[in-house]
Amino acid sequence: MKPLAGADSDNESQSPEPVPGLTNARALALDRMPIRTRESGATLSAWRLSAGSDQGEGAIVLVEAGAGEVRYRGDGVFLGWTAEQLREAYEALRPRTEESAFEIQQLG
């Protein structure tokens, strides 16, 4: 499986270890998924970032709980990490595009 182009794809501008505690960390997939929590009776949206490293594979789930509130959950190599560590790892590994996907169309 080819890794996604994330923050660690440019080796010249990045530190040798973009995710503290993991070596050669790379994003494998970013998927949108429905999720249920104990706190909410409704189905919420979440992003699941699958990642691989020399220590193994895992995933970080970013749950959009509404009203701007986000929660992070980890499994695999990310199991037991604090919310702050998960947020930092998610930001370091998430794929980025070179240009903005938002475009204003001129009509008329």
Protein backbone atom coordinates (compact mmCIF):
# COMPACT_ATOMS: atom_id res chain seq x y z
CA MET A 1 0.00 0.00 0.00
CA LYS A 2 1.46 3.37 -1.05
CA PRO A 3 1.62 5.94 1.79
CA LEU A 4 -0.38 9.15 1.42
CA ALA A 5 1.44 12.42 0.88
CA GLY A 6 1.44 13.90 4.37
CA ALA A 7 3.49 16.30 6.38
CA ASP A 8 6.37 13.82 6.47
CA SER A 9 6.65 13.46 2.68
CA ASP A 10 9.23 16.26 2.35
CA ASN A 11 12.29 15.00 4.21
CA GLU A 12 14.27 18.23 3.79
CA SER A 13 11.91 20.47 5.76
CA GLN A 14 10.83 17.99 8.44
CA SER A 15 12.51 16.77 11.58
CA PRO A 16 13.72 13.15 11.40
CA GLU A 17 10.89 12.07 13.73
CA PRO A 18 7.63 13.95 12.93
CA VAL A 19 5.69 11.84 15.45
CA PRO A 20 7.55 11.56 18.78
CA GLY A 21 7.88 7.94 19.85
CA LEU A 22 7.43 6.50 16.34
CA THR A 23 10.09 6.03 13.68
CA ASN A 24 9.30 6.25 9.97
CA ALA A 25 5.68 7.16 10.72
CA ARG A 26 3.53 7.56 7.61
CA ALA A 27 -0.15 7.94 6.79
CA LEU A 28 -1.69 4.95 5.01
CA ALA A 29 -5.33 6.04 4.55
CA LEU A 30 -7.74 8.77 5.57
CA ASP A 31 -11.38 7.69 5.62
CA ARG A 32 -14.65 9.40 6.55
CA MET A 33 -16.88 7.22 8.71
CA PRO A 34 -20.02 7.35 10.86
CA ILE A 35 -19.51 6.77 14.58
CA ARG A 36 -21.65 6.44 17.71
CA THR A 37 -20.59 7.51 21.19
CA ARG A 38 -22.05 6.79 24.60
CA GLU A 39 -22.62 10.50 25.19
CA SER A 40 -24.71 11.04 22.05
CA GLY A 41 -27.82 9.29 20.78
CA ALA A 42 -27.08 10.53 17.27
CA THR A 43 -24.60 9.27 14.71
CA LEU A 44 -21.59 11.58 14.40
CA SER A 45 -19.00 12.02 11.66
CA ALA A 46 -15.38 11.07 12.15
CA TRP A 47 -12.11 10.87 10.23
CA ARG A 48 -10.00 7.70 10.62
CA LEU A 49 -6.31 8.19 9.86
CA SER A 50 -4.58 4.83 9.47
CA ALA A 51 -0.83 4.99 9.96
CA GLY A 52 2.16 2.71 9.88
CA SER A 53 5.58 2.92 11.52
CA ASP A 54 8.53 0.73 12.45
CA GLN A 55 6.72 0.00 15.74
CA GLY A 56 3.57 -1.26 13.96
CA GLU A 57 0.27 0.04 12.62
CA GLY A 58 -2.56 1.94 14.25
CA ALA A 59 -5.22 4.55 13.69
CA ILE A 60 -6.30 7.89 15.08
CA VAL A 61 -10.01 8.67 14.94
CA LEU A 62 -10.98 12.35 14.99
CA VAL A 63 -14.61 12.60 16.20
CA GLU A 64 -16.48 15.78 15.35
CA ALA A 65 -18.78 16.06 18.36
CA GLY A 66 -20.50 19.26 17.27
CA ALA A 67 -20.26 22.91 18.33
CA GLY A 68 -16.59 22.91 17.31
CA GLU A 69 -15.74 20.15 19.79
CA VAL A 70 -13.39 17.42 18.59
CA ARG A 71 -12.20 14.25 20.30
CA TYR A 72 -9.34 11.96 19.44
CA ARG A 73 -9.26 8.18 19.93
CA GLY A 74 -6.28 5.93 19.24
CA ASP A 75 -5.84 2.23 18.54
CA GLY A 76 -2.90 -0.01 17.64
CA VAL A 77 0.37 1.83 18.28
CA PHE A 78 -1.65 4.89 19.40
CA LEU A 79 -3.53 3.05 22.16
CA GLY A 80 -3.02 4.78 25.51
CA TRP A 81 -1.82 8.08 24.03
CA THR A 82 -3.20 11.31 25.53
CA ALA A 83 -5.61 13.49 23.52
CA GLU A 84 -2.82 16.06 23.04
CA GLN A 85 -0.37 13.44 21.73
CA LEU A 86 -3.04 12.11 19.36
CA ARG A 87 -3.83 15.62 18.10
CA GLU A 88 -0.14 16.33 17.42
CA ALA A 89 0.34 12.98 15.63
CA TYR A 90 -2.84 13.51 13.57
CA GLU A 91 -1.69 16.98 12.49
CA ALA A 92 1.79 15.68 11.61
CA LEU A 93 0.49 12.74 9.55
CA ARG A 94 -2.67 14.04 7.89
CA PRO A 95 -2.48 14.44 4.12
CA ARG A 96 -2.27 17.98 2.78
CA THR A 97 -3.01 19.26 -0.69
CA GLU A 98 -0.70 21.65 -2.48
CA GLU A 99 -3.50 24.03 -3.41
CA SER A 100 -6.81 24.98 -1.87
CA ALA A 101 -9.82 22.90 -2.93
CA PHE A 102 -12.04 25.98 -2.49
CA GLU A 103 -12.59 27.90 -5.68
CA ILE A 104 -14.92 30.81 -6.38
CA GLN A 105 -16.59 30.53 -9.76
CA GLN A 106 -17.26 33.65 -11.78
CA LEU A 107 -20.69 33.65 -13.33
CA GLY A 108 -21.94 35.95 -16.07
